[in-house]
Amino acid sequence: MLRPRGEVILSAGAIGSSQLLMLSGIGPNHSLIGWGISVAHHLLNVGNAMRDNPRNALSFISPVRLPLPLIQVVAIATNVFLEAASNFLPFTPRSCSSFLFPRYSSIPLNIVYVMAKILDPLPSGFLRLASSNVCDDPLVRFNYFEEGLDLQRYVKGVRLVARVLKTNAMEQFEFSEQRFGEREFWYLDNVRLPANVSIDDSVGEFY
């Protein structure tokens, strides 16, 4: 029950909360009036100062069975940190394999994700309504890398990922190369780090 001078806590995340407030008539009046929404309270900051952590992610198949943890922070450096996670992915959808290929079951794949994120990005963006329909996703712009310093931090994060992949602890995730006897990661979609992470331009384009 809502009473005068009461308090409502809206917990729908940064994007969902801003959208619901604006659809309810709370936000910048010029944005609300444009969609025919009655203004209950003019609040200019709703939908502004939107920030998100830019990140890059490498994903590769693991030859060993892994648990399914939540995303975990595995390394911290100045203004950048690394996260890691694993996932269990069927190579073929179970419904398809049992119907079309009854002799063969789906092949489970263990996927490893290593991600570098920028801590406290400098630019901020905005959120605007795409319509007055709550089912329509809002328009969001985070203005990634508008500040050159963030791009420098990003390059630093990519280099940190490269260092982690070369550690002894990561050798268990490499496959043996049959032709040359070398070991390497099996990246998904053939997305891998630049060959030379010491070149800023090539690292900066890896996103």
C-alpha atoms as a PDB file:
ATOM      1  CA  MET A   1       0.000   0.000   0.000  1.00  0.00           C
ATOM      2  CA  LEU A   2       1.361   3.422  -0.949  1.00  0.00           C
ATOM      3  CA  ARG A   3       0.877   6.333   1.398  1.00  0.00           C
ATOM      4  CA  PRO A   4       1.646  10.056   1.017  1.00  0.00           C
ATOM      5  CA  ARG A   5       5.294  10.832   1.723  1.00  0.00           C
ATOM      6  CA  GLY A   6       6.089   7.141   1.425  1.00  0.00           C
ATOM      7  CA  GLU A   7       9.098   5.715  -0.375  1.00  0.00           C
ATOM      8  CA  VAL A   8       9.213   3.304  -3.307  1.00  0.00           C
ATOM      9  CA  ILE A   9      12.459   1.468  -4.019  1.00  0.00           C
ATOM     10  CA  LEU A  10      12.788   0.619  -7.704  1.00  0.00           C
ATOM     11  CA  SER A  11      15.310  -2.152  -8.376  1.00  0.00           C
ATOM     12  CA  ALA A  12      15.317  -2.883 -12.096  1.00  0.00           C
ATOM     13  CA  GLY A  13      18.962  -2.163 -12.842  1.00  0.00           C
ATOM     14  CA  ALA A  14      20.471   0.985 -14.291  1.00  0.00           C
ATOM     15  CA  ILE A  15      18.700   0.605 -17.642  1.00  0.00           C
ATOM     16  CA  GLY A  16      15.386  -0.866 -16.489  1.00  0.00           C
ATOM     17  CA  SER A  17      14.942   1.558 -13.591  1.00  0.00           C
ATOM     18  CA  SER A  18      15.503   4.616 -15.782  1.00  0.00           C
ATOM     19  CA  GLN A  19      13.100   3.279 -18.398  1.00  0.00           C
ATOM     20  CA  LEU A  20      10.356   2.525 -15.858  1.00  0.00           C
ATOM     21  CA  LEU A  21      10.725   5.916 -14.194  1.00  0.00           C
ATOM     22  CA  MET A  22      10.367   7.718 -17.518  1.00  0.00           C
ATOM     23  CA  LEU A  23       7.402   5.596 -18.586  1.00  0.00           C
ATOM     24  CA  SER A  24       5.800   6.462 -15.235  1.00  0.00           C
ATOM     25  CA  GLY A  25       6.195  10.173 -15.910  1.00  0.00           C
ATOM     26  CA  ILE A  26       9.356  10.812 -13.903  1.00  0.00           C
ATOM     27  CA  GLY A  27      12.236  12.245 -15.900  1.00  0.00           C
ATOM     28  CA  PRO A  28      13.150  15.096 -18.265  1.00  0.00           C
ATOM     29  CA  ASN A  29       9.846  16.671 -19.296  1.00  0.00           C
ATOM     30  CA  HIS A  30      10.928  17.259 -22.910  1.00  0.00           C
ATOM     31  CA  SER A  31      11.629  13.533 -23.350  1.00  0.00           C
ATOM     32  CA  LEU A  32       8.337  12.470 -21.792  1.00  0.00           C
ATOM     33  CA  ILE A  33       6.092  14.935 -23.601  1.00  0.00           C
ATOM     34  CA  GLY A  34       7.492  13.817 -26.949  1.00  0.00           C
ATOM     35  CA  TRP A  35       6.020  10.357 -26.348  1.00  0.00           C
ATOM     36  CA  GLY A  36       2.724  11.624 -24.972  1.00  0.00           C
ATOM     37  CA  ILE A  37       3.607  10.669 -21.398  1.00  0.00           C
ATOM     38  CA  SER A  38       2.078  12.839 -18.670  1.00  0.00           C
ATOM     39  CA  VAL A  39       4.814  14.423 -16.557  1.00  0.00           C
ATOM     40  CA  ALA A  40       4.415  13.457 -12.905  1.00  0.00           C
ATOM     41  CA  HIS A  41       7.750  14.933 -11.861  1.00  0.00           C
ATOM     42  CA  HIS A  42      10.377  16.748 -13.911  1.00  0.00           C
ATOM     43  CA  LEU A  43      13.691  15.128 -12.970  1.00  0.00           C
ATOM     44  CA  LEU A  44      16.439  16.034 -15.410  1.00  0.00           C
ATOM     45  CA  ASN A  45      19.011  13.422 -14.358  1.00  0.00           C
ATOM     46  CA  VAL A  46      16.888  10.353 -15.092  1.00  0.00           C
ATOM     47  CA  GLY A  47      18.496   8.575 -18.040  1.00  0.00           C
ATOM     48  CA  ASN A  48      21.675  10.662 -17.910  1.00  0.00           C
ATOM     49  CA  ALA A  49      25.185   9.854 -16.649  1.00  0.00           C
ATOM     50  CA  MET A  50      24.913   6.272 -17.925  1.00  0.00           C
ATOM     51  CA  ARG A  51      28.194   4.381 -17.575  1.00  0.00           C
ATOM     52  CA  ASP A  52      29.299   0.902 -18.530  1.00  0.00           C
ATOM     53  CA  ASN A  53      32.630  -0.905 -18.259  1.00  0.00           C
ATOM     54  CA  PRO A  54      34.099  -1.536 -21.729  1.00  0.00           C
ATOM     55  CA  ARG A  55      35.488  -5.035 -21.947  1.00  0.00           C
ATOM     56  CA  ASN A  56      37.004  -7.495 -24.338  1.00  0.00           C
ATOM     57  CA  ALA A  57      36.441 -11.215 -24.033  1.00  0.00           C
ATOM     58  CA  LEU A  58      38.309 -14.245 -25.274  1.00  0.00           C
ATOM     59  CA  SER A  59      36.513 -17.576 -25.294  1.00  0.00           C
ATOM     60  CA  PHE A  60      38.081 -20.945 -25.954  1.00  0.00           C
ATOM     61  CA  ILE A  61      37.274 -24.619 -25.512  1.00  0.00           C
ATOM     62  CA  SER A  62      38.658 -26.350 -22.441  1.00  0.00           C
ATOM     63  CA  PRO A  63      39.956 -29.937 -22.742  1.00  0.00           C
ATOM     64  CA  VAL A  64      39.181 -30.496 -19.043  1.00  0.00           C
ATOM     65  CA  ARG A  65      35.821 -30.548 -17.284  1.00  0.00           C
ATOM     66  CA  LEU A  66      35.185 -27.360 -15.325  1.00  0.00           C
ATOM     67  CA  PRO A  67      32.650 -26.274 -12.705  1.00  0.00           C
ATOM     68  CA  LEU A  68      30.142 -23.577 -13.570  1.00  0.00           C
ATOM     69  CA  PRO A  69      31.051 -20.664 -11.292  1.00  0.00           C
ATOM     70  CA  LEU A  70      29.782 -17.141 -11.409  1.00  0.00           C
ATOM     71  CA  ILE A  71      32.031 -14.583 -13.032  1.00  0.00           C
ATOM     72  CA  GLN A  72      35.077 -14.150 -10.809  1.00  0.00           C
ATOM     73  CA  VAL A  73      37.721 -11.442 -10.604  1.00  0.00           C
ATOM     74  CA  VAL A  74      41.071 -13.134 -11.211  1.00  0.00           C
ATOM     75  CA  ALA A  75      43.490 -10.205 -11.602  1.00  0.00           C
ATOM     76  CA  ILE A  76      43.548  -6.530 -10.656  1.00  0.00           C
ATOM     77  CA  ALA A  77      45.820  -3.812 -12.016  1.00  0.00           C
ATOM     78  CA  THR A  78      45.632  -0.029 -11.990  1.00  0.00           C
ATOM     79  CA  ASN A  79      42.310   1.040 -13.574  1.00  0.00           C
ATOM     80  CA  VAL A  80      41.711  -2.392 -15.135  1.00  0.00           C
ATOM     81  CA  PHE A  81      40.763  -5.858 -13.904  1.00  0.00           C
ATOM     82  CA  LEU A  82      40.294  -9.342 -15.346  1.00  0.00           C
ATOM     83  CA  GLU A  83      37.292 -11.616 -14.929  1.00  0.00           C
ATOM     84  CA  ALA A  84      36.990 -15.297 -15.755  1.00  0.00           C
ATOM     85  CA  ALA A  85      34.079 -17.680 -16.113  1.00  0.00           C
ATOM     86  CA  SER A  86      33.249 -21.060 -17.576  1.00  0.00           C
ATOM     87  CA  ASN A  87      30.204 -22.461 -19.307  1.00  0.00           C
ATOM     88  CA  PHE A  88      28.847 -25.828 -20.387  1.00  0.00           C
ATOM     89  CA  LEU A  89      27.645 -25.812 -23.983  1.00  0.00           C
ATOM     90  CA  PRO A  90      26.140 -28.699 -25.972  1.00  0.00           C
ATOM     91  CA  PHE A  91      27.816 -29.019 -29.347  1.00  0.00           C
ATOM     92  CA  THR A  92      24.461 -30.056 -30.861  1.00  0.00           C
ATOM     93  CA  PRO A  93      21.078 -29.139 -29.356  1.00  0.00           C
ATOM     94  CA  ARG A  94      19.827 -32.147 -27.452  1.00  0.00           C
ATOM     95  CA  SER A  95      16.403 -31.995 -29.106  1.00  0.00           C
ATOM     96  CA  CYS A  96      17.970 -32.099 -32.585  1.00  0.00           C
ATOM     97  CA  SER A  97      20.488 -34.815 -31.843  1.00  0.00           C
ATOM     98  CA  SER A  98      17.935 -37.203 -30.330  1.00  0.00           C
ATOM     99  CA  PHE A  99      15.482 -36.736 -33.191  1.00  0.00           C
ATOM    100  CA  LEU A 100      17.759 -36.538 -36.231  1.00  0.00           C
ATOM    101  CA  PHE A 101      20.690 -38.593 -34.981  1.00  0.00           C
ATOM    102  CA  PRO A 102      19.332 -41.055 -32.407  1.00  0.00           C
ATOM    103  CA  ARG A 103      22.602 -43.007 -32.299  1.00  0.00           C
ATOM    104  CA  TYR A 104      24.624 -40.004 -31.185  1.00  0.00           C
ATOM    105  CA  SER A 105      24.197 -37.831 -28.131  1.00  0.00           C
ATOM    106  CA  SER A 106      25.186 -34.184 -27.997  1.00  0.00           C
ATOM    107  CA  ILE A 107      28.856 -33.504 -27.312  1.00  0.00           C
ATOM    108  CA  PRO A 108      29.345 -31.215 -24.304  1.00  0.00           C
ATOM    109  CA  LEU A 109      31.846 -28.407 -24.651  1.00  0.00           C
ATOM    110  CA  ASN A 110      33.442 -26.677 -21.706  1.00  0.00           C
ATOM    111  CA  ILE A 111      34.011 -23.027 -22.571  1.00  0.00           C
ATOM    112  CA  VAL A 112      36.422 -20.692 -20.781  1.00  0.00           C
ATOM    113  CA  TYR A 113      35.976 -16.916 -20.893  1.00  0.00           C
ATOM    114  CA  VAL A 114      38.687 -14.406 -19.979  1.00  0.00           C
ATOM    115  CA  MET A 115      37.620 -10.760 -19.945  1.00  0.00           C
ATOM    116  CA  ALA A 116      39.431  -7.479 -19.329  1.00  0.00           C
ATOM    117  CA  LYS A 117      37.348  -4.566 -18.048  1.00  0.00           C
ATOM    118  CA  ILE A 118      38.096  -0.904 -17.502  1.00  0.00           C
ATOM    119  CA  LEU A 119      37.473   0.248 -13.949  1.00  0.00           C
ATOM    120  CA  ASP A 120      35.470   3.474 -13.564  1.00  0.00           C
ATOM    121  CA  PRO A 121      35.307   4.590 -17.234  1.00  0.00           C
ATOM    122  CA  LEU A 122      35.550   8.332 -17.801  1.00  0.00           C
ATOM    123  CA  PRO A 123      32.848   9.026 -20.456  1.00  0.00           C
ATOM    124  CA  SER A 124      29.165   8.918 -19.613  1.00  0.00           C
ATOM    125  CA  GLY A 125      26.219   8.405 -21.915  1.00  0.00           C
ATOM    126  CA  PHE A 126      22.464   8.567 -21.856  1.00  0.00           C
ATOM    127  CA  LEU A 127      19.248   6.571 -22.121  1.00  0.00           C
ATOM    128  CA  ARG A 128      16.204   7.669 -24.097  1.00  0.00           C
ATOM    129  CA  LEU A 129      12.848   6.020 -24.621  1.00  0.00           C
ATOM    130  CA  ALA A 130      12.281   4.396 -27.994  1.00  0.00           C
ATOM    131  CA  SER A 131       8.505   4.539 -27.496  1.00  0.00           C
ATOM    132  CA  SER A 132       5.904   4.663 -24.747  1.00  0.00           C
ATOM    133  CA  ASN A 133       5.619   0.858 -24.823  1.00  0.00           C
ATOM    134  CA  VAL A 134       7.292  -0.871 -21.882  1.00  0.00           C
ATOM    135  CA  CYS A 135       8.071  -3.867 -24.124  1.00  0.00           C
ATOM    136  CA  ASP A 136      10.296  -1.797 -26.431  1.00  0.00           C
ATOM    137  CA  ASP A 137      13.966  -1.608 -25.474  1.00  0.00           C
ATOM    138  CA  PRO A 138      15.181   1.922 -24.755  1.00  0.00           C
ATOM    139  CA  LEU A 139      17.931   3.611 -26.736  1.00  0.00           C
ATOM    140  CA  VAL A 140      21.198   3.561 -24.795  1.00  0.00           C
ATOM    141  CA  ARG A 141      24.524   5.148 -25.682  1.00  0.00           C
ATOM    142  CA  PHE A 142      27.528   4.761 -23.377  1.00  0.00           C
ATOM    143  CA  ASN A 143      30.060   6.733 -25.456  1.00  0.00           C
ATOM    144  CA  TYR A 144      32.775   4.119 -25.111  1.00  0.00           C
ATOM    145  CA  PHE A 145      36.366   5.343 -25.580  1.00  0.00           C
ATOM    146  CA  GLU A 146      35.486   8.995 -26.113  1.00  0.00           C
ATOM    147  CA  GLU A 147      38.300   9.682 -23.663  1.00  0.00           C
ATOM    148  CA  GLY A 148      41.742   8.679 -24.903  1.00  0.00           C
ATOM    149  CA  LEU A 149      42.780   7.630 -21.401  1.00  0.00           C
ATOM    150  CA  ASP A 150      40.155   4.872 -21.434  1.00  0.00           C
ATOM    151  CA  LEU A 151      41.632   3.483 -24.644  1.00  0.00           C
ATOM    152  CA  GLN A 152      45.058   3.407 -22.984  1.00  0.00           C
ATOM    153  CA  ARG A 153      43.556   1.494 -20.066  1.00  0.00           C
ATOM    154  CA  TYR A 154      41.922  -0.894 -22.494  1.00  0.00           C
ATOM    155  CA  VAL A 155      45.250  -1.593 -24.217  1.00  0.00           C
ATOM    156  CA  LYS A 156      46.741  -2.286 -20.799  1.00  0.00           C
ATOM    157  CA  GLY A 157      43.956  -4.794 -20.099  1.00  0.00           C
ATOM    158  CA  VAL A 158      44.559  -6.660 -23.356  1.00  0.00           C
ATOM    159  CA  ARG A 159      48.247  -6.948 -22.527  1.00  0.00           C
ATOM    160  CA  LEU A 160      47.361  -8.264 -19.084  1.00  0.00           C
ATOM    161  CA  VAL A 161      45.218 -10.971 -20.705  1.00  0.00           C
ATOM    162  CA  ALA A 162      48.157 -11.906 -22.937  1.00  0.00           C
ATOM    163  CA  ARG A 163      50.404 -12.280 -19.891  1.00  0.00           C
ATOM    164  CA  VAL A 164      47.853 -14.456 -18.094  1.00  0.00           C
ATOM    165  CA  LEU A 165      47.472 -16.778 -21.098  1.00  0.00           C
ATOM    166  CA  LYS A 166      51.220 -17.422 -21.051  1.00  0.00           C
ATOM    167  CA  THR A 167      51.305 -18.560 -17.412  1.00  0.00           C
ATOM    168  CA  ASN A 168      51.859 -22.177 -16.392  1.00  0.00           C
ATOM    169  CA  ALA A 169      48.370 -22.339 -14.884  1.00  0.00           C
ATOM    170  CA  MET A 170      46.806 -21.860 -18.330  1.00  0.00           C
ATOM    171  CA  GLU A 171      48.678 -24.741 -19.970  1.00  0.00           C
ATOM    172  CA  GLN A 172      45.939 -27.183 -18.938  1.00  0.00           C
ATOM    173  CA  PHE A 173      43.558 -25.408 -21.325  1.00  0.00           C
ATOM    174  CA  GLU A 174      45.751 -25.870 -24.402  1.00  0.00           C
ATOM    175  CA  PHE A 175      45.347 -28.599 -27.000  1.00  0.00           C
ATOM    176  CA  SER A 176      48.217 -30.435 -28.652  1.00  0.00           C
ATOM    177  CA  GLU A 177      48.725 -29.474 -32.283  1.00  0.00           C
ATOM    178  CA  GLN A 178      48.956 -32.730 -34.226  1.00  0.00           C
ATOM    179  CA  ARG A 179      51.080 -31.440 -37.116  1.00  0.00           C
ATOM    180  CA  PHE A 180      53.786 -29.517 -35.341  1.00  0.00           C
ATOM    181  CA  GLY A 181      53.693 -30.866 -31.799  1.00  0.00           C
ATOM    182  CA  GLU A 182      52.876 -27.420 -30.404  1.00  0.00           C
ATOM    183  CA  ARG A 183      50.143 -26.563 -27.940  1.00  0.00           C
ATOM    184  CA  GLU A 184      47.577 -23.832 -28.436  1.00  0.00           C
ATOM    185  CA  PHE A 185      44.148 -22.645 -27.348  1.00  0.00           C
ATOM    186  CA  TRP A 186      41.101 -23.516 -29.437  1.00  0.00           C
ATOM    187  CA  TYR A 187      39.417 -20.132 -29.686  1.00  0.00           C
ATOM    188  CA  LEU A 188      35.740 -19.831 -30.563  1.00  0.00           C
ATOM    189  CA  ASP A 189      34.980 -17.996 -33.822  1.00  0.00           C
ATOM    190  CA  ASN A 190      38.747 -17.737 -34.338  1.00  0.00           C
ATOM    191  CA  VAL A 191      38.813 -14.561 -32.223  1.00  0.00           C
ATOM    192  CA  ARG A 192      42.266 -14.286 -30.682  1.00  0.00           C
ATOM    193  CA  LEU A 193      44.669 -11.678 -29.396  1.00  0.00           C
ATOM    194  CA  PRO A 194      46.766  -9.664 -31.858  1.00  0.00           C
ATOM    195  CA  ALA A 195      50.018 -11.375 -32.779  1.00  0.00           C
ATOM    196  CA  ASN A 196      52.025  -8.473 -31.359  1.00  0.00           C
ATOM    197  CA  VAL A 197      50.443  -6.903 -28.274  1.00  0.00           C
ATOM    198  CA  SER A 198      53.274  -4.366 -28.013  1.00  0.00           C
ATOM    199  CA  ILE A 199      51.804  -2.328 -30.895  1.00  0.00           C
ATOM    200  CA  ASP A 200      49.193   0.068 -29.493  1.00  0.00           C
ATOM    201  CA  ASP A 201      47.207   0.452 -32.727  1.00  0.00           C
ATOM    202  CA  SER A 202      46.664  -3.277 -33.266  1.00  0.00           C
ATOM    203  CA  VAL A 203      45.720  -3.805 -29.624  1.00  0.00           C
ATOM    204  CA  GLY A 204      43.346  -0.838 -29.640  1.00  0.00           C
ATOM    205  CA  GLU A 205      41.437  -2.321 -32.584  1.00  0.00           C
ATOM    206  CA  PHE A 206      40.854  -5.578 -30.697  1.00  0.00           C
ATOM    207  CA  TYR A 207      37.365  -5.033 -29.291  1.00  0.00           C
END
